[in-house]
Amino acid sequence: MGVPVIQSEDIKRLIEAGIPGAQVRVAGDGTHFDAVVVSSAFAGQTIVVQHQMVYGALGTKMQAEIHALSIHTLTPDAQDQADRQDAQTR
């Protein structure tokens, strides 16, 4: 029996459930995924702790169903700053 397949939308829902109020975008091909997670819960936390929060939200899915996950975490203020910088470079 093969490894269960997980979809980007499943990962998004798990992160949103585990980090209430988070804004989550996930893209991937069924085994490799990229997630951008914006949450005020990340304020004052190190990147390591922020990523641990995301991994915690995914639980056991990281052990088998998700082969690789690239995580980019931001606070809402950091997201606003990134958006302003993007707008200036256009």
N, C-alpha and C. Protein backbone atom coordinates (compact mmCIF):
# COMPACT_ATOMS: atom_id res chain seq x y z
N MET A 1 0.84 -1.17 0.00
CA MET A 1 0.00 0.00 0.00
C MET A 1 0.89 1.24 0.00
N GLY A 2 0.57 2.25 -0.81
CA GLY A 2 1.38 3.45 -0.94
C GLY A 2 1.11 4.45 0.16
N VAL A 3 1.86 5.53 0.12
CA VAL A 3 1.71 6.62 1.07
C VAL A 3 0.43 7.37 0.75
N PRO A 4 -0.40 7.69 1.75
CA PRO A 4 -1.61 8.46 1.50
C PRO A 4 -1.28 9.79 0.84
N VAL A 5 -2.16 10.24 -0.04
CA VAL A 5 -1.95 11.50 -0.76
C VAL A 5 -2.63 12.62 0.01
N ILE A 6 -1.92 13.71 0.15
CA ILE A 6 -2.48 14.90 0.79
C ILE A 6 -2.43 16.04 -0.22
N GLN A 7 -3.42 16.90 -0.17
CA GLN A 7 -3.52 18.01 -1.11
C GLN A 7 -3.18 19.32 -0.41
N SER A 8 -2.85 20.32 -1.19
CA SER A 8 -2.52 21.64 -0.66
C SER A 8 -3.64 22.18 0.22
N GLU A 9 -4.87 21.99 -0.20
CA GLU A 9 -6.02 22.49 0.57
C GLU A 9 -6.12 21.80 1.93
N ASP A 10 -5.76 20.52 2.01
CA ASP A 10 -5.75 19.81 3.29
C ASP A 10 -4.74 20.43 4.25
N ILE A 11 -3.55 20.72 3.73
CA ILE A 11 -2.50 21.33 4.55
C ILE A 11 -2.94 22.71 5.02
N LYS A 12 -3.53 23.48 4.13
CA LYS A 12 -4.04 24.82 4.46
C LYS A 12 -5.04 24.72 5.61
N ARG A 13 -5.99 23.81 5.52
CA ARG A 13 -7.01 23.66 6.57
C ARG A 13 -6.38 23.25 7.91
N LEU A 14 -5.42 22.34 7.87
CA LEU A 14 -4.76 21.91 9.11
C LEU A 14 -4.04 23.06 9.79
N ILE A 15 -3.32 23.86 9.00
CA ILE A 15 -2.59 25.00 9.58
C ILE A 15 -3.58 26.02 10.14
N GLU A 16 -4.64 26.32 9.39
CA GLU A 16 -5.64 27.28 9.86
C GLU A 16 -6.31 26.80 11.15
N ALA A 17 -6.55 25.50 11.26
CA ALA A 17 -7.16 24.95 12.47
C ALA A 17 -6.18 25.01 13.65
N GLY A 18 -4.90 24.78 13.38
CA GLY A 18 -3.90 24.75 14.44
C GLY A 18 -3.40 26.12 14.86
N ILE A 19 -3.54 27.11 13.96
CA ILE A 19 -3.12 28.48 14.27
C ILE A 19 -4.31 29.39 13.93
N PRO A 20 -5.27 29.49 14.83
CA PRO A 20 -6.49 30.26 14.56
C PRO A 20 -6.17 31.69 14.12
N GLY A 21 -6.89 32.14 13.11
CA GLY A 21 -6.71 33.50 12.60
C GLY A 21 -5.60 33.64 11.58
N ALA A 22 -4.85 32.57 11.33
CA ALA A 22 -3.75 32.63 10.36
C ALA A 22 -4.29 32.76 8.94
N GLN A 23 -3.55 33.49 8.14
CA GLN A 23 -3.80 33.56 6.71
C GLN A 23 -2.79 32.61 6.07
N VAL A 24 -3.27 31.64 5.31
CA VAL A 24 -2.40 30.57 4.82
C VAL A 24 -2.55 30.40 3.32
N ARG A 25 -1.40 30.29 2.64
CA ARG A 25 -1.37 29.94 1.21
C ARG A 25 -0.46 28.73 1.08
N VAL A 26 -0.95 27.71 0.39
CA VAL A 26 -0.15 26.50 0.18
C VAL A 26 -0.23 26.10 -1.29
N ALA A 27 0.92 25.78 -1.86
CA ALA A 27 1.00 25.27 -3.23
C ALA A 27 1.86 24.03 -3.19
N GLY A 28 1.58 23.10 -4.09
CA GLY A 28 2.40 21.90 -4.13
C GLY A 28 1.95 20.90 -5.16
N ASP A 29 2.71 19.81 -5.23
CA ASP A 29 2.47 18.80 -6.26
C ASP A 29 1.99 17.46 -5.70
N GLY A 30 1.63 17.42 -4.42
CA GLY A 30 1.18 16.17 -3.83
C GLY A 30 2.19 15.56 -2.87
N THR A 31 3.46 15.93 -3.00
CA THR A 31 4.48 15.47 -2.06
C THR A 31 5.37 16.62 -1.58
N HIS A 32 5.61 17.60 -2.43
CA HIS A 32 6.42 18.77 -2.09
C HIS A 32 5.50 19.99 -2.05
N PHE A 33 5.59 20.75 -0.95
CA PHE A 33 4.69 21.88 -0.77
C PHE A 33 5.44 23.11 -0.31
N ASP A 34 4.87 24.28 -0.63
CA ASP A 34 5.35 25.57 -0.16
C ASP A 34 4.20 26.23 0.59
N ALA A 35 4.45 26.67 1.82
CA ALA A 35 3.41 27.32 2.62
C ALA A 35 3.88 28.70 3.06
N VAL A 36 2.98 29.66 2.94
CA VAL A 36 3.19 31.00 3.48
C VAL A 36 2.12 31.18 4.55
N VAL A 37 2.56 31.44 5.77
CA VAL A 37 1.63 31.54 6.90
C VAL A 37 1.83 32.90 7.57
N VAL A 38 0.76 33.67 7.64
CA VAL A 38 0.79 34.99 8.27
C VAL A 38 -0.08 34.92 9.52
N SER A 39 0.51 35.22 10.67
CA SER A 39 -0.25 35.15 11.92
C SER A 39 0.32 36.10 12.96
N SER A 40 -0.57 36.74 13.69
CA SER A 40 -0.14 37.59 14.81
C SER A 40 0.44 36.73 15.93
N ALA A 41 0.14 35.43 15.95
CA ALA A 41 0.69 34.52 16.96
C ALA A 41 2.21 34.40 16.84
N PHE A 42 2.76 34.78 15.69
CA PHE A 42 4.21 34.71 15.47
C PHE A 42 4.97 35.89 16.08
N ALA A 43 4.26 36.94 16.46
CA ALA A 43 4.91 38.15 17.00
C ALA A 43 5.76 37.79 18.21
N GLY A 44 7.01 38.22 18.18
CA GLY A 44 7.92 38.00 19.29
C GLY A 44 8.53 36.60 19.34
N GLN A 45 8.16 35.74 18.39
CA GLN A 45 8.68 34.38 18.36
C GLN A 45 9.85 34.29 17.37
N THR A 46 10.79 33.42 17.64
CA THR A 46 11.87 33.18 16.69
C THR A 46 11.33 32.41 15.49
N ILE A 47 12.07 32.42 14.40
CA ILE A 47 11.68 31.66 13.21
C ILE A 47 11.53 30.18 13.57
N VAL A 48 12.42 29.66 14.39
CA VAL A 48 12.35 28.25 14.79
C VAL A 48 11.02 27.96 15.48
N VAL A 49 10.64 28.81 16.43
CA VAL A 49 9.38 28.60 17.14
C VAL A 49 8.20 28.75 16.19
N GLN A 50 8.26 29.73 15.29
CA GLN A 50 7.18 29.90 14.30
C GLN A 50 7.01 28.63 13.47
N HIS A 51 8.11 28.07 13.00
CA HIS A 51 8.04 26.85 12.19
C HIS A 51 7.55 25.67 13.03
N GLN A 52 7.97 25.60 14.30
CA GLN A 52 7.48 24.55 15.17
C GLN A 52 5.97 24.65 15.36
N MET A 53 5.44 25.86 15.39
CA MET A 53 4.00 26.05 15.50
C MET A 53 3.29 25.48 14.27
N VAL A 54 3.86 25.71 13.09
CA VAL A 54 3.28 25.17 11.86
C VAL A 54 3.37 23.65 11.85
N TYR A 55 4.55 23.12 12.18
CA TYR A 55 4.70 21.66 12.24
C TYR A 55 3.73 21.05 13.25
N GLY A 56 3.53 21.73 14.39
CA GLY A 56 2.59 21.24 15.39
C GLY A 56 1.17 21.18 14.86
N ALA A 57 0.81 22.16 14.04
CA ALA A 57 -0.53 22.17 13.45
C ALA A 57 -0.72 21.01 12.48
N LEU A 58 0.37 20.58 11.85
CA LEU A 58 0.29 19.49 10.87
C LEU A 58 0.34 18.11 11.52
N GLY A 59 0.84 18.06 12.74
CA GLY A 59 0.86 16.80 13.49
C GLY A 59 1.55 15.68 12.76
N THR A 60 0.94 14.53 12.76
CA THR A 60 1.55 13.32 12.18
C THR A 60 1.61 13.34 10.65
N LYS A 61 0.95 14.29 10.02
CA LYS A 61 0.98 14.37 8.54
C LYS A 61 2.42 14.58 8.05
N MET A 62 3.27 15.22 8.88
CA MET A 62 4.66 15.47 8.48
C MET A 62 5.48 14.18 8.49
N GLN A 63 5.00 13.15 9.13
CA GLN A 63 5.76 11.91 9.24
C GLN A 63 5.62 11.01 8.02
N ALA A 64 4.56 11.18 7.24
CA ALA A 64 4.36 10.27 6.12
C ALA A 64 3.79 10.95 4.88
N GLU A 65 2.73 11.69 5.05
CA GLU A 65 1.99 12.20 3.89
C GLU A 65 2.64 13.40 3.22
N ILE A 66 3.37 14.20 4.00
CA ILE A 66 4.03 15.38 3.44
C ILE A 66 5.52 15.07 3.34
N HIS A 67 5.99 14.89 2.13
CA HIS A 67 7.40 14.54 1.92
C HIS A 67 8.32 15.72 2.19
N ALA A 68 7.93 16.89 1.70
CA ALA A 68 8.76 18.09 1.88
C ALA A 68 7.86 19.31 1.97
N LEU A 69 8.19 20.19 2.91
CA LEU A 69 7.40 21.40 3.10
C LEU A 69 8.34 22.57 3.34
N SER A 70 8.24 23.57 2.48
CA SER A 70 8.97 24.82 2.64
C SER A 70 8.01 25.78 3.33
N ILE A 71 8.45 26.35 4.47
CA ILE A 71 7.58 27.23 5.25
C ILE A 71 8.16 28.63 5.28
N HIS A 72 7.29 29.60 5.00
CA HIS A 72 7.66 31.01 5.14
C HIS A 72 6.63 31.62 6.09
N THR A 73 7.09 32.06 7.27
CA THR A 73 6.19 32.62 8.27
C THR A 73 6.41 34.12 8.41
N LEU A 74 5.30 34.83 8.62
CA LEU A 74 5.34 36.27 8.77
C LEU A 74 4.30 36.72 9.78
N THR A 75 4.59 37.82 10.46
CA THR A 75 3.55 38.49 11.24
C THR A 75 2.76 39.37 10.26
N PRO A 76 1.57 39.82 10.63
CA PRO A 76 0.84 40.73 9.74
C PRO A 76 1.64 42.00 9.41
N ASP A 77 2.37 42.55 10.40
CA ASP A 77 3.19 43.74 10.15
C ASP A 77 4.29 43.45 9.12
N ALA A 78 4.94 42.30 9.25
CA ALA A 78 5.99 41.93 8.29
C ALA A 78 5.39 41.73 6.90
N GLN A 79 4.18 41.16 6.84
CA GLN A 79 3.52 40.98 5.54
C GLN A 79 3.20 42.33 4.91
N ASP A 80 2.69 43.26 5.72
CA ASP A 80 2.40 44.61 5.20
C ASP A 80 3.66 45.27 4.67
N GLN A 81 4.76 45.13 5.39
CA GLN A 81 6.03 45.71 4.96
C GLN A 81 6.49 45.07 3.64
N ALA A 82 6.37 43.75 3.54
CA ALA A 82 6.76 43.05 2.30
C ALA A 82 5.88 43.50 1.14
N ASP A 83 4.59 43.68 1.40
CA ASP A 83 3.67 44.14 0.35
C ASP A 83 4.05 45.54 -0.13
N ARG A 84 4.42 46.42 0.81
CA ARG A 84 4.82 47.78 0.44
C ARG A 84 6.09 47.75 -0.40
N GLN A 85 7.04 46.91 -0.03
CA GLN A 85 8.29 46.79 -0.79
C GLN A 85 8.02 46.26 -2.19
N ASP A 86 7.12 45.27 -2.30
CA ASP A 86 6.75 44.75 -3.61
C ASP A 86 6.12 45.84 -4.48
N ALA A 87 5.25 46.64 -3.88
CA ALA A 87 4.59 47.70 -4.62
C ALA A 87 5.58 48.74 -5.12
N GLN A 88 6.62 49.00 -4.35
CA GLN A 88 7.64 49.99 -4.73
C GLN A 88 8.51 49.49 -5.88
N THR A 89 8.67 48.17 -6.00
CA THR A 89 9.54 47.64 -7.04
C THR A 89 8.80 47.41 -8.35
N ARG A 90 7.52 47.62 -8.35
CA ARG A 90 6.74 47.43 -9.60
C ARG A 90 6.75 48.65 -10.44
